[in-house]
Amino acid sequence: MTRRLFTACLGTETNSFSPVPTGMGLFEQTMMLRHGEYGEPPSPFSLPLVVWRERAQARGWTVIPGLAAFALPAGNTTRATHEALRDEILADLEAAMPVDAVLLSLHGAMIADGYPDAEGDLLARVREKVGPGVPILAELDLHGHLTELKRAASDVMVFFKEYPHVDIVPRAHEVFTLCERMLDEGLRPAQAIHDCRMLGFYPTTREPMIGFVRRMQELEQRPEVLSVSLAHGFPWGDTPEVGTRVLVITDDDAALAQRLADELGAWIWSERDSLVPPFLTIDEGIDHVLAAGPGDTPIVLADTADNTGIGSGGDSTFVLARLIERGVGGFAISPVWDPVAVMLAFDAGEGARLSMRLGGKLGPGSGNPVDAQVTVMTLSEGTLQTFGDAKVPLGRAARLRIGPADDDAQAIDVIVNDSRVQAFDPNCFTAVGSDPARTRAWVVKSSQHFHAGFAPVAREILYLGTPGTGSMDMRALVHEQVTRALWPKVSDPHGT
């Protein structure tokens, strides 16, 4: 029997403390795709749409693609932008009807002016259009907000399990398989949520999160359990339902789903202190590198707060300024978003010696600009970083050297670029000539997505608790829209 499926994408990861506004222009710069033309290679959030189309075509089903729009994480989305994108998707759906199912690629942490759960708003309006009998399924980033509005409007939500997000494609297949079973077998998913009442940052590349991901996967082997997700939540979103939550979906057994969600949530709470990686101060990170001495590969230090992937500017100078103050060389930092510096470097050319003002352009969360004499060492255009099955452009990039041009051990290399993006892959260093064998440490502007690409080449990976827009100090985040007690702001939110 042939089926008609509607697919679309809408999302961004809203950092309510970011100075960068999210308007239509940012969506257009990041991803704005129509008519099923997802590009080659596709971006991470269009990958599910590609998977669903291929799976449907293999069954002889028809896919009607709607708008696919995604914006690089930044501040709140404007009301006009959200409503325009939402309404375009709804118009695409109206034109496609009747449909047998709706499959959506969402982020889950999108906040718009007047819409604290923007993607939940989309889901609710899709439900109004298709009615209660048409399955609505969604794939979401594990940093999305797991809200009651989303649960009430959807039949299935599947969140990424891995951080870094290397499992986008497997989760897309999971969504499609559940869609097939709903259409072919009359499967009746039952979704249950447990609120852990926690704010946190939980890489799945270290224990105990490695074991927890395995536990979720083992539960999914039980025939009555359809899907298990941990929505880490996005702590930098000021929205009422921010926080970590467990989602369990069973085969028409709401009581079992709730019991399992509660058991998993209780374990997450019991392990809360060990889930979060240790964060070093900037000086502790520098001292560690100096004590380790030279090696064949660099130590990688993560500047966690200045991650464009969580809405930061990508131009903070806190680490750079401290390196200069201490007179430490042999470090390289990438990527630092500074289009003006890039323009000047390309105009001057390789080998030029310039007075340059670097970074610190987006306000207090970026620190003060650094004034320095730099040598333009290397220029690069069209560099791509690998992120899972996707490719992410670095834009134009320049390696600027502070210190002696001919002495790697005494100099600091700052890789500036004009595409606001985080570090995913060593290519953001090597494409502009940063030699891993001649560098003590690479400082990556990223919180965790760098891990998959850098782990194979890093001597060691350390996380810095840097200041900035994406600060990992959860106690200090000011959530004006949140009334629930949340750990670590409150030591026992369950008893409050």
Protein backbone atom coordinates (compact mmCIF):
# COMPACT_ATOMS: atom_id res chain seq x y z
CA MET A 1 0.00 0.00 0.00
CA THR A 2 1.42 3.37 -0.98
CA ARG A 3 1.70 6.07 1.66
CA ARG A 4 2.12 9.84 1.62
CA LEU A 5 4.61 11.32 4.09
CA PHE A 6 5.23 14.99 4.82
CA THR A 7 8.68 16.02 6.06
CA ALA A 8 10.09 19.37 7.23
CA CYS A 9 12.71 20.90 9.50
CA LEU A 10 12.65 23.88 11.84
CA GLY A 11 15.01 24.71 14.64
CA THR A 12 17.77 26.54 16.36
CA GLU A 13 19.38 26.33 19.80
CA THR A 14 18.46 29.50 21.64
CA ASN A 15 20.92 30.91 24.16
CA SER A 16 18.88 33.51 26.01
CA PHE A 17 22.10 35.19 27.19
CA SER A 18 23.62 35.55 23.72
CA PRO A 19 24.12 39.03 22.24
CA VAL A 20 23.56 37.68 18.72
CA PRO A 21 19.92 38.04 17.55
CA THR A 22 18.24 35.30 15.55
CA GLY A 23 16.37 36.76 12.61
CA MET A 24 15.54 35.59 9.11
CA GLY A 25 19.04 36.47 7.92
CA LEU A 26 20.68 33.99 10.28
CA PHE A 27 18.38 31.21 9.05
CA GLU A 28 19.19 32.13 5.45
CA GLN A 29 22.93 32.09 6.18
CA THR A 30 22.77 28.73 7.99
CA MET A 31 20.16 26.55 6.26
CA MET A 32 17.09 27.51 4.26
CA LEU A 33 16.15 24.70 1.88
CA ARG A 34 13.03 24.14 -0.19
CA HIS A 35 11.64 21.50 -2.56
CA GLY A 36 13.74 18.71 -1.07
CA GLU A 37 17.03 20.13 -2.34
CA TYR A 38 19.19 19.35 0.69
CA GLY A 39 22.60 19.98 -0.83
CA GLU A 40 25.65 17.76 -1.13
CA PRO A 41 26.78 17.06 1.44
CA PRO A 42 23.65 17.79 3.50
CA SER A 43 23.89 19.75 6.74
CA PRO A 44 23.41 17.87 10.04
CA PHE A 45 19.76 18.84 10.51
CA SER A 46 18.77 18.00 6.95
CA LEU A 47 20.33 14.52 7.24
CA PRO A 48 17.14 13.02 8.78
CA LEU A 49 15.12 14.35 5.84
CA VAL A 50 17.48 12.58 3.42
CA VAL A 51 17.22 9.32 5.39
CA TRP A 52 13.43 9.47 5.49
CA ARG A 53 13.17 10.16 1.77
CA GLU A 54 15.46 7.26 0.92
CA ARG A 55 13.61 4.87 3.24
CA ALA A 56 10.24 5.94 1.84
CA GLN A 57 11.38 5.61 -1.77
CA ALA A 58 12.61 2.09 -1.05
CA ARG A 59 9.03 1.20 -0.10
CA GLY A 60 7.44 3.02 -2.99
CA TRP A 61 5.98 5.67 -0.72
CA THR A 62 5.60 9.34 -1.67
CA VAL A 63 7.45 12.04 0.26
CA ILE A 64 6.26 15.63 0.07
CA PRO A 65 9.06 17.83 1.43
CA GLY A 66 8.29 21.08 3.20
CA LEU A 67 10.59 23.87 4.24
CA ALA A 68 13.86 22.91 5.96
CA ALA A 69 15.13 25.85 8.03
CA PHE A 70 17.80 25.90 10.71
CA ALA A 71 19.82 28.71 12.30
CA LEU A 72 23.18 28.64 13.99
CA PRO A 73 22.63 28.94 17.76
CA ALA A 74 22.24 32.52 18.99
CA GLY A 75 19.79 34.61 21.00
CA ASN A 76 15.99 34.58 20.93
CA THR A 77 14.37 34.22 17.53
CA THR A 78 12.25 37.20 16.56
CA ARG A 79 8.50 36.65 16.63
CA ALA A 80 8.13 37.60 12.96
CA THR A 81 10.82 35.11 11.91
CA HIS A 82 9.34 32.20 13.84
CA GLU A 83 5.81 32.89 12.65
CA ALA A 84 6.90 33.24 9.02
CA LEU A 85 8.87 29.97 9.02
CA ARG A 86 6.20 28.10 10.97
CA ASP A 87 3.45 29.33 8.70
CA GLU A 88 5.40 28.36 5.58
CA ILE A 89 5.73 24.81 6.88
CA LEU A 90 2.03 24.73 7.73
CA ALA A 91 1.18 26.00 4.22
CA ASP A 92 3.41 23.30 2.73
CA LEU A 93 1.57 20.73 4.84
CA GLU A 94 -1.82 22.08 3.79
CA ALA A 95 -0.82 21.75 0.13
CA ALA A 96 0.40 18.18 0.70
CA MET A 97 -2.73 16.88 2.45
CA PRO A 98 -4.02 14.29 2.82
CA VAL A 99 -0.93 12.69 4.37
CA ASP A 100 -0.49 9.43 6.25
CA ALA A 101 2.25 10.70 8.58
CA VAL A 102 4.35 13.76 9.41
CA LEU A 103 8.07 13.46 10.17
CA LEU A 104 9.89 16.53 11.51
CA SER A 105 13.56 17.25 12.12
CA LEU A 106 13.65 19.70 15.03
CA HIS A 107 16.23 20.94 17.47
CA GLY A 108 13.97 21.37 20.46
CA ALA A 109 15.60 24.37 22.15
CA MET A 110 14.20 27.13 19.96
CA ILE A 111 12.78 30.09 21.88
CA ALA A 112 11.08 32.95 20.04
CA ASP A 113 9.67 36.21 21.32
CA GLY A 114 6.26 35.24 22.68
CA TYR A 115 6.93 31.52 22.15
CA PRO A 116 8.91 29.90 24.99
CA ASP A 117 8.63 26.55 23.15
CA ALA A 118 8.72 27.50 19.48
CA GLU A 119 9.02 23.97 18.09
CA GLY A 120 6.26 22.84 20.44
CA ASP A 121 4.13 25.59 18.93
CA LEU A 122 4.84 24.15 15.47
CA LEU A 123 3.99 20.62 16.59
CA ALA A 124 0.72 21.75 18.16
CA ARG A 125 -0.35 23.54 14.98
CA VAL A 126 0.62 20.55 12.83
CA ARG A 127 -1.57 18.41 15.09
CA GLU A 128 -4.47 20.83 14.61
CA LYS A 129 -4.13 20.48 10.85
CA VAL A 130 -3.80 16.71 10.52
CA GLY A 131 -6.07 15.69 13.38
CA PRO A 132 -5.61 12.99 16.04
CA GLY A 133 -5.34 10.00 13.69
CA VAL A 134 -2.24 10.96 11.68
CA PRO A 135 1.10 9.97 13.27
CA ILE A 136 3.46 12.85 14.04
CA LEU A 137 7.05 11.83 14.71
CA ALA A 138 10.08 14.02 15.42
CA GLU A 139 13.83 13.66 15.77
CA LEU A 140 15.42 16.15 18.16
CA ASP A 141 18.78 17.23 19.51
CA LEU A 142 19.41 15.91 23.02
CA HIS A 143 19.91 19.53 24.11
CA GLY A 144 16.28 20.26 23.26
CA HIS A 145 13.67 21.09 25.88
CA LEU A 146 11.41 18.09 26.53
CA THR A 147 8.12 19.87 27.16
CA GLU A 148 4.56 18.80 27.79
CA LEU A 149 3.45 20.77 24.72
CA LYS A 150 5.72 18.68 22.52
CA ARG A 151 4.64 15.43 24.17
CA ALA A 152 0.93 16.22 23.83
CA ALA A 153 1.22 17.12 20.14
CA SER A 154 3.44 14.23 19.00
CA ASP A 155 3.18 10.44 18.88
CA VAL A 156 6.94 9.80 18.91
CA MET A 157 9.94 11.91 19.86
CA VAL A 158 13.42 10.47 19.47
CA PHE A 159 16.35 12.48 20.84
CA PHE A 160 19.99 11.98 19.91
CA LYS A 161 21.73 9.70 22.41
CA GLU A 162 25.31 10.82 21.86
CA TYR A 163 27.14 14.04 22.71
CA PRO A 164 28.95 14.79 20.39
CA HIS A 165 26.03 14.09 18.07
CA VAL A 166 27.47 11.28 15.98
CA ASP A 167 24.18 9.35 15.88
CA ILE A 168 21.93 11.67 13.87
CA VAL A 169 21.50 9.12 11.08
CA PRO A 170 20.79 6.09 13.35
CA ARG A 171 18.15 8.08 15.21
CA ALA A 172 16.56 9.08 11.88
CA HIS A 173 16.29 5.40 10.97
CA GLU A 174 14.73 4.73 14.39
CA VAL A 175 12.07 7.39 13.73
CA PHE A 176 11.24 5.97 10.31
CA THR A 177 11.02 2.40 11.59
CA LEU A 178 8.53 3.48 14.26
CA CYS A 179 6.57 5.35 11.60
CA GLU A 180 6.46 2.19 9.48
CA ARG A 181 5.19 0.16 12.42
CA MET A 182 2.50 2.71 13.20
CA LEU A 183 1.26 2.64 9.61
CA ASP A 184 1.73 -1.10 8.94
CA GLU A 185 0.96 -2.66 12.32
CA GLY A 186 -1.19 -0.08 14.08
CA LEU A 187 1.49 0.45 16.74
CA ARG A 188 0.28 2.74 19.56
CA PRO A 189 3.25 4.49 21.22
CA ALA A 190 2.87 5.65 24.82
CA GLN A 191 5.25 8.44 25.91
CA ALA A 192 6.22 9.15 29.54
CA ILE A 193 8.48 11.87 30.97
CA HIS A 194 10.49 12.10 34.19
CA ASP A 195 11.77 15.51 35.23
CA CYS A 196 15.23 15.14 36.84
CA ARG A 197 15.15 18.80 37.97
CA MET A 198 18.76 19.26 36.90
CA LEU A 199 20.83 21.65 34.82
CA GLY A 200 24.00 20.20 33.40
CA PHE A 201 26.51 19.38 30.69
CA TYR A 202 26.96 15.63 30.15
CA PRO A 203 29.42 14.40 27.51
CA THR A 204 28.73 10.80 26.50
CA THR A 205 32.42 10.15 25.78
CA ARG A 206 33.15 9.48 29.46
CA GLU A 207 31.69 7.41 32.24
CA PRO A 208 29.13 7.19 33.68
CA MET A 209 27.34 8.54 30.58
CA ILE A 210 28.91 5.87 28.35
CA GLY A 211 27.24 3.24 30.50
CA PHE A 212 23.94 5.12 30.63
CA VAL A 213 23.73 5.27 26.83
CA ARG A 214 24.37 1.53 26.76
CA ARG A 215 21.62 1.02 29.33
CA MET A 216 19.12 2.94 27.20
CA GLN A 217 20.05 0.82 24.19
CA GLU A 218 19.67 -2.40 26.19
CA LEU A 219 16.19 -1.38 27.34
CA GLU A 220 15.23 -0.81 23.70
CA GLN A 221 15.92 -4.48 23.02
CA ARG A 222 12.84 -5.37 25.06
CA PRO A 223 9.91 -5.79 22.64
CA GLU A 224 7.58 -3.68 24.76
CA VAL A 225 10.03 -0.73 24.86
CA LEU A 226 10.10 1.28 21.63
CA SER A 227 12.53 4.10 22.44
CA VAL A 228 14.45 5.61 25.37
CA SER A 229 15.92 9.12 25.36
CA LEU A 230 17.69 11.39 27.79
CA ALA A 231 16.97 14.99 26.90
CA HIS A 232 19.94 16.73 28.51
CA GLY A 233 18.20 20.05 28.00
CA PHE A 234 19.84 23.36 27.13
CA PRO A 235 20.75 25.20 30.35
CA TRP A 236 21.31 28.53 28.58
CA GLY A 237 17.68 28.74 27.45
CA ASP A 238 15.50 30.85 29.73
CA THR A 239 12.26 28.94 29.31
CA PRO A 240 9.91 27.46 31.96
CA GLU A 241 10.62 23.77 31.26
CA VAL A 242 14.42 23.98 30.95
CA GLY A 243 16.30 21.03 32.45
CA THR A 244 17.20 17.37 32.12
CA ARG A 245 14.38 14.89 31.48
CA VAL A 246 13.99 11.22 30.59
CA LEU A 247 11.58 10.07 27.87
CA VAL A 248 10.46 6.46 27.53
CA ILE A 249 8.14 5.24 24.78
CA THR A 250 6.46 1.84 25.09
CA ASP A 251 4.04 -0.20 23.03
CA ASP A 252 0.71 1.05 24.43
CA ASP A 253 1.77 0.70 28.09
CA ALA A 254 1.79 4.11 29.73
CA ALA A 255 2.35 2.70 33.23
CA LEU A 256 5.48 0.80 32.16
CA ALA A 257 6.78 3.84 30.30
CA GLN A 258 6.39 5.99 33.42
CA ARG A 259 7.97 3.39 35.71
CA LEU A 260 11.04 3.05 33.48
CA ALA A 261 11.35 6.80 33.03
CA ASP A 262 11.22 7.27 36.81
CA GLU A 263 13.85 4.55 37.40
CA LEU A 264 16.22 6.03 34.84
CA GLY A 265 15.63 9.53 36.16
CA ALA A 266 16.38 8.41 39.71
CA TRP A 267 19.71 6.97 38.52
CA ILE A 268 20.60 10.21 36.71
CA TRP A 269 19.90 12.12 39.91
CA SER A 270 22.00 9.74 42.00
CA GLU A 271 24.98 10.18 39.64
CA ARG A 272 24.59 13.93 39.15
CA ASP A 273 28.03 14.89 40.47
CA SER A 274 29.89 12.38 38.30
CA LEU A 275 27.99 13.17 35.08
CA VAL A 276 29.61 16.60 34.72
CA PRO A 277 33.28 16.58 33.61
CA PRO A 278 35.90 18.37 35.71
CA PHE A 279 36.58 21.92 34.54
CA LEU A 280 39.99 23.54 34.92
CA THR A 281 40.62 27.24 35.25
CA ILE A 282 42.52 28.85 32.38
CA ASP A 283 45.70 28.98 34.48
CA GLU A 284 45.31 25.36 35.56
CA GLY A 285 45.00 24.33 31.90
CA ILE A 286 48.10 26.32 30.90
CA ASP A 287 50.07 24.92 33.86
CA HIS A 288 49.07 21.37 32.91
CA VAL A 289 50.32 21.84 29.35
CA LEU A 290 53.61 23.33 30.52
CA ALA A 291 54.15 20.53 33.04
CA ALA A 292 53.43 17.86 30.43
CA GLY A 293 56.29 19.08 28.26
CA PRO A 294 56.66 18.55 24.51
CA GLY A 295 55.07 15.63 22.69
CA ASP A 296 54.38 14.29 19.22
CA THR A 297 50.77 15.52 19.35
CA PRO A 298 49.15 18.50 21.07
CA ILE A 299 47.10 18.55 24.23
CA VAL A 300 43.60 19.83 23.41
CA LEU A 301 42.02 22.43 25.69
CA ALA A 302 38.32 23.16 25.21
CA ASP A 303 37.27 26.79 25.62
CA THR A 304 33.81 25.56 26.60
CA ALA A 305 32.08 28.90 27.16
CA ASP A 306 32.95 30.35 23.76
CA ASN A 307 31.16 27.77 21.65
CA THR A 308 29.10 29.13 18.76
CA GLY A 309 27.19 25.83 18.93
CA ILE A 310 25.59 27.01 22.17
CA GLY A 311 25.04 30.59 21.02
CA SER A 312 28.31 32.22 22.04
CA GLY A 313 30.07 34.73 19.83
CA GLY A 314 33.12 32.63 19.00
CA ASP A 315 35.29 35.71 19.54
CA SER A 316 36.21 35.62 23.22
CA THR A 317 39.74 36.56 24.24
CA PHE A 318 40.02 35.27 27.81
CA VAL A 319 42.40 32.41 27.00
CA LEU A 320 44.43 34.44 24.48
CA ALA A 321 44.84 37.35 26.88
CA ARG A 322 46.07 35.07 29.65
CA LEU A 323 48.60 33.37 27.36
CA ILE A 324 49.98 36.79 26.38
CA GLU A 325 50.04 37.98 30.01
CA ARG A 326 52.03 34.91 31.03
CA GLY A 327 54.34 35.03 28.02
CA VAL A 328 53.53 31.45 27.06
CA GLY A 329 54.08 30.18 23.51
CA GLY A 330 53.47 27.00 21.58
CA PHE A 331 49.66 27.36 21.68
CA ALA A 332 47.18 27.72 18.80
CA ILE A 333 43.53 28.83 19.11
CA SER A 334 40.79 28.08 16.56
CA PRO A 335 38.40 29.21 15.24
CA VAL A 336 38.12 32.83 16.38
CA TRP A 337 35.25 34.55 14.58
CA ASP A 338 36.63 37.90 13.40
CA PRO A 339 35.58 38.83 9.84
CA VAL A 340 37.40 42.18 10.07
CA ALA A 341 40.71 40.53 10.95
CA VAL A 342 40.19 38.03 8.13
CA MET A 343 39.56 40.81 5.61
CA LEU A 344 42.69 42.69 6.67
CA ALA A 345 44.83 39.55 6.60
CA PHE A 346 43.68 38.61 3.09
CA ASP A 347 44.26 42.16 1.88
CA ALA A 348 47.78 42.21 3.33
CA GLY A 349 48.73 38.70 2.20
CA GLU A 350 50.90 35.97 3.65
CA GLY A 351 54.07 37.19 5.33
CA ALA A 352 52.68 40.63 6.13
CA ARG A 353 53.33 42.14 9.55
CA LEU A 354 50.33 44.04 10.94
CA SER A 355 49.01 45.76 14.03
CA MET A 356 45.72 43.97 14.67
CA ARG A 357 42.82 44.22 17.12
CA LEU A 358 41.56 40.67 17.68
CA GLY A 359 38.24 39.36 19.03
CA GLY A 360 36.22 40.75 21.89
CA LYS A 361 33.69 42.43 19.60
CA LEU A 362 30.36 41.10 20.90
CA GLY A 363 30.27 42.52 24.41
CA PRO A 364 31.29 41.50 27.94
CA GLY A 365 30.82 37.78 27.25
CA SER A 366 33.61 38.01 24.70
CA GLY A 367 36.15 39.82 26.88
CA ASN A 368 38.18 42.82 25.78
CA PRO A 369 39.75 43.07 22.30
CA VAL A 370 43.43 42.09 22.17
CA ASP A 371 45.79 44.50 20.42
CA ALA A 372 48.88 42.76 19.04
CA GLN A 373 51.51 42.75 16.34
CA VAL A 374 50.79 39.73 14.15
CA THR A 375 52.37 38.00 11.19
CA VAL A 376 50.01 36.61 8.56
CA MET A 377 51.36 33.06 8.34
CA THR A 378 48.80 31.24 6.16
CA LEU A 379 45.54 31.99 4.35
CA SER A 380 42.88 29.44 3.41
CA GLU A 381 39.56 29.53 1.56
CA GLY A 382 36.82 26.96 1.26
CA THR A 383 37.94 24.77 4.16
CA LEU A 384 35.41 22.18 5.33
CA GLN A 385 35.25 20.51 8.72
CA THR A 386 33.87 17.00 9.11
CA PHE A 387 31.08 16.49 11.65
CA GLY A 388 29.74 12.95 11.60
CA ASP A 389 28.17 12.42 8.18
CA ALA A 390 28.05 16.14 7.43
CA LYS A 391 30.49 18.81 6.27
CA VAL A 392 30.60 22.25 7.89
CA PRO A 393 32.29 25.22 6.16
CA LEU A 394 34.97 27.17 8.03
CA GLY A 395 34.84 30.04 5.56
CA ARG A 396 37.92 32.15 4.84
CA ALA A 397 40.56 31.62 7.51
CA ALA A 398 43.91 33.15 8.41
CA ARG A 399 46.61 31.94 10.80
CA LEU A 400 47.94 34.99 12.61
CA ARG A 401 51.08 34.62 14.71
CA ILE A 402 51.76 36.65 17.83
CA GLY A 403 55.47 36.44 18.61
CA PRO A 404 58.48 35.33 16.53
CA ALA A 405 57.43 34.11 13.10
CA ASP A 406 60.17 31.49 13.02
CA ASP A 407 59.80 30.02 16.51
CA ASP A 408 56.78 27.77 17.09
CA ALA A 409 57.61 27.23 20.76
CA GLN A 410 57.58 30.95 21.61
CA ALA A 411 54.64 32.07 19.46
CA ILE A 412 50.86 31.97 19.75
CA ASP A 413 48.84 31.22 16.62
CA VAL A 414 45.32 32.65 16.38
CA ILE A 415 43.21 31.20 13.57
CA VAL A 416 40.58 33.78 12.64
CA ASN A 417 37.72 33.02 10.26
CA ASP A 418 34.65 34.72 8.83
CA SER A 419 32.09 31.93 9.27
CA ARG A 420 30.75 31.80 12.82
CA VAL A 421 31.25 28.14 13.65
CA GLN A 422 32.77 26.00 16.37
CA ALA A 423 35.73 23.59 16.12
CA PHE A 424 34.64 20.17 14.86
CA ASP A 425 37.74 18.74 13.23
CA PRO A 426 41.55 19.19 13.31
CA ASN A 427 41.19 20.66 9.83
CA CYS A 428 40.34 24.00 11.46
CA PHE A 429 44.02 24.05 12.49
CA THR A 430 45.85 22.03 9.84
CA ALA A 431 44.18 23.73 6.86
CA VAL A 432 46.03 26.91 7.80
CA GLY A 433 49.32 25.23 8.57
CA SER A 434 49.16 24.61 12.32
CA ASP A 435 51.48 21.61 12.72
CA PRO A 436 50.31 19.27 15.50
CA ALA A 437 53.85 17.95 15.93
CA ARG A 438 55.19 21.45 16.62
CA THR A 439 52.42 22.74 18.90
CA ARG A 440 52.12 22.23 22.65
CA ALA A 441 48.36 22.72 22.76
CA TRP A 442 45.41 23.40 20.53
CA VAL A 443 42.68 25.52 22.16
CA VAL A 444 39.36 24.67 20.52
CA LYS A 445 36.35 26.97 20.55
CA SER A 446 33.87 24.22 21.38
CA SER A 447 32.27 22.47 24.35
CA GLN A 448 32.14 18.85 23.18
CA HIS A 449 31.44 18.44 19.44
CA PHE A 450 35.19 18.67 18.81
CA HIS A 451 35.74 15.41 20.68
CA ALA A 452 35.04 12.91 17.90
CA GLY A 453 37.41 14.64 15.49
CA PHE A 454 40.20 15.52 17.93
CA ALA A 455 40.33 12.44 20.19
CA PRO A 456 42.30 10.36 17.65
CA VAL A 457 45.07 13.00 17.41
CA ALA A 458 45.09 14.53 20.91
CA ARG A 459 47.63 13.58 23.53
CA GLU A 460 45.05 14.54 26.12
CA ILE A 461 41.72 16.41 26.22
CA LEU A 462 40.93 18.89 29.00
CA TYR A 463 37.88 21.10 29.58
CA LEU A 464 38.37 24.72 30.65
CA GLY A 465 35.70 26.41 32.76
CA THR A 466 36.10 29.69 30.89
CA PRO A 467 33.97 32.81 31.38
CA GLY A 468 31.57 33.93 28.68
CA THR A 469 28.12 33.55 27.19
CA GLY A 470 28.19 29.76 27.50
CA SER A 471 29.55 29.61 31.05
CA MET A 472 29.39 26.14 32.60
CA ASP A 473 28.68 27.65 36.02
CA MET A 474 25.03 26.57 36.16
CA ARG A 475 24.50 28.24 39.53
CA ALA A 476 25.19 31.64 38.01
CA LEU A 477 22.73 31.40 35.11
CA VAL A 478 19.84 33.81 35.59
CA HIS A 479 16.58 32.16 34.53
CA GLU A 480 13.82 34.71 34.87
CA GLN A 481 11.16 32.45 33.32
CA VAL A 482 11.83 29.39 35.51
CA THR A 483 9.90 28.81 38.75
CA ARG A 484 10.90 25.15 39.35
CA ALA A 485 13.76 24.42 41.73
CA LEU A 486 16.72 23.03 39.79
CA TRP A 487 20.03 21.48 40.81
CA PRO A 488 22.77 22.74 41.22
CA LYS A 489 21.10 26.06 42.03
CA VAL A 490 19.22 24.19 44.76
CA SER A 491 20.88 21.23 46.47
CA ASP A 492 17.65 19.19 46.77
CA PRO A 493 15.07 20.41 44.23
CA HIS A 494 12.93 17.29 44.68
CA GLY A 495 12.35 18.12 48.34
CA THR A 496 11.67 21.82 47.75
